[in-house]
Protein backbone atom coordinates (compact mmCIF):
# COMPACT_ATOMS: atom_id res chain seq x y z
CA MET A 1 5.56 -161.47 -48.34
CA VAL A 2 4.91 -158.11 -49.99
CA ARG A 3 1.48 -156.49 -50.08
CA VAL A 4 0.71 -154.21 -53.05
CA ALA A 5 -2.44 -152.25 -53.78
CA THR A 6 -3.80 -150.11 -56.60
CA LEU A 7 -6.54 -147.48 -56.85
CA ASN A 8 -7.68 -144.92 -59.40
CA LEU A 9 -8.39 -141.81 -57.31
CA LEU A 10 -10.82 -140.16 -59.79
CA ASN A 11 -9.31 -136.80 -60.69
CA ASN A 12 -12.51 -134.92 -61.50
CA THR A 13 -13.61 -131.40 -60.66
CA HIS A 14 -17.07 -132.70 -59.83
CA GLY A 15 -15.82 -135.83 -58.06
CA ARG A 16 -16.34 -134.63 -54.45
CA TRP A 17 -12.74 -135.26 -53.45
CA PRO A 18 -12.98 -133.45 -50.06
CA HIS A 19 -15.73 -135.89 -49.07
CA ARG A 20 -13.90 -138.93 -50.44
CA GLU A 21 -10.39 -138.21 -49.12
CA PRO A 22 -11.06 -139.57 -45.60
CA LEU A 23 -12.49 -142.77 -47.11
CA VAL A 24 -9.43 -143.24 -49.32
CA ILE A 25 -7.02 -142.70 -46.43
CA ASP A 26 -8.92 -144.75 -43.83
CA GLN A 27 -9.35 -147.70 -46.19
CA ALA A 28 -5.73 -147.44 -47.35
CA ARG A 29 -4.66 -147.73 -43.73
CA ALA A 30 -6.88 -150.81 -43.39
CA VAL A 31 -5.30 -152.32 -46.52
CA ASP A 32 -1.88 -151.78 -44.92
CA ALA A 33 0.10 -152.29 -48.13
CA ASP A 34 3.85 -152.05 -48.47
CA VAL A 35 3.37 -150.37 -51.85
CA TYR A 36 0.40 -148.33 -53.08
CA ALA A 37 -0.10 -147.40 -56.74
CA PHE A 38 -2.44 -144.50 -57.50
CA GLN A 39 -3.75 -143.32 -60.85
CA GLU A 40 -5.57 -140.10 -61.79
CA VAL A 41 -3.56 -138.24 -59.19
CA ASP A 42 -4.18 -134.51 -58.81
CA ALA A 43 -0.58 -133.42 -59.29
CA THR A 44 -1.52 -129.74 -58.94
CA SER A 45 -2.41 -130.14 -55.26
CA ASP A 46 -1.03 -131.68 -52.07
CA GLN A 47 -3.28 -134.71 -52.52
CA ILE A 48 -0.54 -137.35 -52.47
CA GLU A 49 1.28 -135.70 -49.58
CA ARG A 50 -1.96 -135.76 -47.58
CA ILE A 51 -2.46 -139.45 -48.38
CA ARG A 52 1.18 -140.20 -47.59
CA SER A 53 0.92 -138.43 -44.26
CA GLY A 54 -2.41 -140.09 -43.51
CA ILE A 55 -1.15 -143.65 -43.97
CA SER A 56 2.33 -143.24 -42.49
CA GLY A 57 2.52 -144.86 -39.09
CA GLY A 58 -0.56 -146.95 -39.89
CA GLY A 59 -1.21 -150.62 -39.15
CA GLY A 60 2.18 -152.00 -40.19
CA GLY A 61 4.07 -148.91 -39.12
CA GLY A 62 6.70 -147.12 -41.10
CA THR A 63 6.87 -143.92 -43.07
CA TYR A 64 6.01 -143.94 -46.75
CA GLU A 65 7.98 -142.31 -49.51
CA ALA A 66 5.99 -140.78 -52.38
CA ILE A 67 7.20 -140.92 -55.98
CA THR A 68 5.00 -139.00 -58.39
CA LEU A 69 4.78 -138.62 -62.14
CA PRO A 70 2.90 -135.47 -63.16
CA ASN A 71 1.49 -135.62 -66.67
CA PRO A 72 3.47 -133.39 -69.04
CA ASN A 73 0.14 -132.40 -70.57
CA ARG A 74 -1.02 -129.93 -67.96
CA THR A 75 -4.66 -130.33 -69.06
CA SER A 76 -4.57 -134.08 -68.42
CA ILE A 77 -6.07 -135.71 -65.32
CA LYS A 78 -3.78 -138.75 -65.75
CA SER A 79 -0.86 -138.33 -63.36
CA LEU A 80 0.55 -141.22 -61.31
CA ALA A 81 2.05 -141.89 -57.90
CA ILE A 82 3.58 -144.77 -55.95
CA LEU A 83 3.85 -144.73 -52.16
CA THR A 84 6.16 -147.26 -50.53
CA ARG A 85 7.53 -148.04 -47.09
CA LEU A 86 10.17 -150.30 -48.66
CA PRO A 87 13.56 -148.81 -49.60
CA VAL A 88 13.60 -147.29 -53.08
CA VAL A 89 16.61 -148.22 -55.22
CA ASP A 90 15.61 -146.93 -58.66
CA VAL A 91 12.91 -144.94 -60.46
CA ALA A 92 12.02 -144.81 -64.16
CA ARG A 93 9.34 -142.75 -65.88
CA CYS A 94 7.64 -143.34 -69.24
CA THR A 95 5.89 -140.22 -70.52
CA ASP A 96 5.18 -141.13 -74.13
CA LEU A 97 2.51 -143.81 -74.17
CA PRO A 98 -0.16 -143.01 -76.77
CA ALA A 99 -3.05 -140.74 -75.71
CA ASP A 100 -1.00 -138.83 -73.12
CA ASP A 101 -0.77 -141.83 -70.84
CA LEU A 102 2.15 -142.66 -68.57
CA ALA A 103 3.93 -145.40 -66.67
CA LEU A 104 5.96 -145.10 -63.47
CA ARG A 105 8.36 -147.81 -62.31
CA VAL A 106 9.82 -147.89 -58.81
CA ASP A 107 12.27 -150.61 -57.79
CA VAL A 108 12.16 -151.45 -54.09
CA GLU A 109 14.25 -153.64 -51.83
CA VAL A 110 12.62 -156.68 -50.28
CA GLY A 111 15.25 -158.28 -48.09
CA ASP A 112 18.14 -159.02 -50.43
CA GLN A 113 15.96 -158.87 -53.56
CA ARG A 114 14.71 -156.15 -55.85
CA LEU A 115 11.04 -155.92 -56.80
CA HIS A 116 10.13 -153.94 -59.93
CA VAL A 117 6.79 -152.15 -59.38
CA THR A 118 5.15 -150.34 -62.29
CA THR A 119 1.86 -148.48 -62.37
CA THR A 120 0.07 -147.15 -65.41
CA HIS A 121 -3.20 -145.74 -66.72
CA PHE A 122 -4.52 -146.65 -70.18
CA HIS A 123 -6.82 -144.81 -72.59
CA PHE A 124 -10.49 -144.70 -71.56
CA SER A 125 -12.65 -144.55 -74.70
CA PRO A 126 -14.99 -147.62 -74.70
CA THR A 127 -14.91 -147.94 -78.49
CA ARG A 128 -13.24 -150.15 -81.07
CA SER A 129 -10.73 -147.40 -81.83
CA GLY A 130 -10.14 -146.97 -78.09
CA SER A 131 -9.42 -150.68 -77.82
CA GLU A 132 -6.80 -150.37 -80.54
CA VAL A 133 -5.15 -147.48 -78.67
CA ARG A 134 -5.01 -149.60 -75.52
CA ARG A 135 -3.46 -152.49 -77.44
CA LEU A 136 -0.76 -150.16 -78.75
CA GLN A 137 -0.23 -148.82 -75.25
CA ALA A 138 0.24 -152.34 -73.90
CA GLU A 139 2.78 -153.14 -76.60
CA GLN A 140 4.70 -149.94 -75.98
CA LEU A 141 4.60 -150.44 -72.21
CA LEU A 142 6.07 -153.92 -72.62
CA ARG A 143 8.83 -152.58 -74.87
CA TRP A 144 9.63 -149.90 -72.31
CA LEU A 145 9.74 -152.44 -69.48
CA GLY A 146 12.02 -154.69 -71.51
CA PRO A 147 12.72 -158.35 -70.69
CA ILE A 148 11.37 -159.50 -67.33
CA GLU A 149 14.48 -159.74 -65.17
CA GLY A 150 13.59 -160.50 -61.60
CA PRO A 151 10.36 -160.20 -59.60
CA THR A 152 7.97 -157.79 -61.31
CA VAL A 153 4.48 -156.41 -60.70
CA VAL A 154 2.54 -154.13 -63.06
CA LEU A 155 -0.68 -152.69 -61.67
CA GLY A 156 -3.16 -149.96 -62.41
CA ASP A 157 -6.18 -148.88 -64.42
CA PHE A 158 -6.01 -150.52 -67.85
CA ASN A 159 -9.51 -149.38 -68.86
CA SER A 160 -9.99 -152.73 -70.59
CA ARG A 161 -12.19 -155.73 -69.98
CA HIS A 162 -10.38 -159.03 -69.54
CA SER A 163 -11.47 -159.98 -73.07
CA GLY A 164 -9.82 -156.89 -74.56
CA SER A 165 -6.73 -157.00 -76.75
CA ALA A 166 -4.68 -154.90 -74.29
CA ILE A 167 -5.22 -157.44 -71.51
CA ALA A 168 -4.52 -160.32 -73.87
CA THR A 169 -1.23 -158.60 -74.74
CA MET A 170 -0.31 -158.15 -71.07
CA LYS A 171 -1.17 -161.78 -70.31
CA GLN A 172 1.29 -162.97 -72.92
CA HIS A 173 4.00 -161.86 -70.47
CA PHE A 174 2.32 -161.63 -67.04
CA ARG A 175 -0.26 -163.41 -64.90
CA SER A 176 -3.26 -161.63 -63.43
CA ALA A 177 -3.11 -161.96 -59.64
CA HIS A 178 -6.89 -161.97 -59.19
CA GLU A 179 -7.44 -164.50 -61.95
CA HIS A 180 -4.66 -166.69 -60.56
CA VAL A 181 -6.28 -166.83 -57.11
CA HIS A 182 -9.97 -166.89 -58.05
CA GLY A 183 -10.01 -168.30 -61.58
CA THR A 184 -11.54 -165.12 -62.95
CA GLU A 185 -11.32 -161.34 -62.76
CA PRO A 186 -13.65 -159.39 -60.42
CA ASP A 187 -17.20 -158.88 -61.64
CA ALA A 188 -16.47 -155.16 -61.95
CA THR A 189 -14.05 -152.56 -60.63
CA HIS A 190 -15.73 -149.62 -62.42
CA PRO A 191 -18.04 -147.87 -61.88
CA THR A 192 -18.80 -148.05 -58.18
CA PRO A 193 -22.02 -146.75 -56.60
CA LEU A 194 -20.22 -143.41 -56.23
CA VAL A 195 -21.63 -142.41 -59.61
CA ARG A 196 -25.05 -142.19 -57.95
CA ALA A 197 -23.63 -139.64 -55.48
CA LEU A 198 -22.29 -137.39 -58.25
CA ASP A 199 -23.79 -135.16 -60.89
CA VAL A 200 -22.83 -137.53 -63.69
CA GLU A 201 -23.71 -135.02 -66.39
CA LYS A 202 -21.13 -132.60 -64.99
CA ALA A 203 -18.61 -135.26 -63.95
CA TYR A 204 -18.71 -137.52 -67.02
CA GLY A 205 -20.76 -135.71 -69.67
CA VAL A 206 -23.43 -138.43 -69.79
CA PRO A 207 -26.99 -138.35 -68.43
CA LEU A 208 -26.56 -141.54 -66.37
CA PHE A 209 -24.57 -144.74 -65.91
CA PRO A 210 -26.67 -147.76 -66.93
CA GLU A 211 -27.15 -150.21 -64.08
CA GLY A 212 -25.10 -153.37 -64.51
CA ALA A 213 -22.78 -151.82 -67.11
CA GLY A 214 -19.62 -152.21 -65.04
CA ALA A 215 -16.49 -154.16 -65.89
CA ALA A 216 -13.20 -155.24 -64.35
CA VAL A 217 -10.66 -152.75 -65.71
CA ASP A 218 -8.12 -152.64 -62.86
CA TYR A 219 -5.44 -155.33 -62.63
CA VAL A 220 -2.42 -156.58 -60.74
CA PHE A 221 -0.06 -158.44 -63.09
CA VAL A 222 2.91 -160.44 -61.82
CA GLY A 223 5.96 -161.97 -63.45
CA GLY A 224 9.55 -162.93 -62.85
CA GLY A 225 8.74 -165.77 -60.51
CA VAL A 226 6.39 -163.83 -58.22
CA GLU A 227 3.79 -166.03 -56.53
CA VAL A 228 0.37 -164.77 -55.46
CA ASP A 229 -0.98 -165.76 -52.05
CA SER A 230 -4.13 -163.63 -52.20
CA CYS A 231 -5.82 -160.92 -54.24
CA ALA A 232 -9.03 -159.09 -53.38
CA VAL A 233 -11.10 -156.04 -54.18
CA ALA A 234 -10.34 -153.09 -51.88
CA TRP A 235 -11.59 -149.57 -51.18
CA ASP A 236 -15.07 -151.07 -51.40
CA GLU A 237 -16.72 -149.62 -48.29
CA PRO A 238 -19.10 -146.63 -48.48
CA SER A 239 -19.35 -143.73 -46.10
CA ALA A 240 -21.26 -144.51 -42.92
CA ASP A 241 -23.30 -141.36 -43.51
CA GLU A 242 -23.99 -141.64 -47.25
CA PRO A 243 -24.47 -145.13 -48.73
CA ASP A 244 -23.47 -144.18 -52.29
CA LEU A 245 -20.36 -142.21 -51.31
CA TYR A 246 -17.41 -144.51 -52.03
CA PRO A 247 -13.68 -143.74 -52.06
CA SER A 248 -13.64 -143.61 -55.88
CA ASP A 249 -15.59 -144.53 -58.99
CA HIS A 250 -13.16 -147.48 -59.14
CA PHE A 251 -12.72 -150.25 -56.65
CA GLY A 252 -9.09 -150.99 -55.96
CA LEU A 253 -7.20 -154.26 -55.64
CA VAL A 254 -4.83 -155.57 -52.99
CA ALA A 255 -2.53 -158.58 -53.43
CA ASP A 256 -0.14 -160.49 -51.21
CA LEU A 257 2.90 -161.61 -53.16
CA ARG A 258 5.83 -163.91 -52.49
CA LEU A 259 9.15 -163.38 -54.20
CA PRO A 260 11.15 -166.36 -55.47
């Protein structure tokens, strides 16, 4: 069995990262994944090294290796990272998805097999034109990945509801782990109650987040014969001292996978 997990870290000047970092690390240790995929990484800081150090030697033991993909657009918040305690055998980086988005693939050894793990972040804009950008991103991502040859998982923040064209495109080639286990996607993975602990005008440029406006936009997709034993929402516990302070404005996902 291989456990994988994904979380958008919220790279935002007004996102209260110093207060959230301990929550991210503590709950990552509780997740105890073999492979973590992070989006909206702050590649200008030691953020990933601090997370890597914080989870190494955790529940399942082992030291994690960090593979990062800084965004070539230095003004972009959309960098990526994968942390793994499984041996790394290959790395590939896609830096030309539309809208300055990226994909990072890390191949790891699982016994005598190779597991292809890719993380990505898609365009945000919740508009019809934004949906079209995400569809194009999905098509280009699939071309970059090429034919599915061997066990494969693609996970991250797709910024698309399950009814969106980008997710429909992905599901032509992959299965959603959460949908496979539960028959549906989560009720919502964004936003979390964290938005009530932030100055949303400064953080997001809007006066407020409407209650009940969330959607499932984070996914774990599997292919190449991978079977899903479980999939659940993760990083979903608030601070003990502040009920609206959550690890991120996204919930994450964790999945237990079996290779063929």
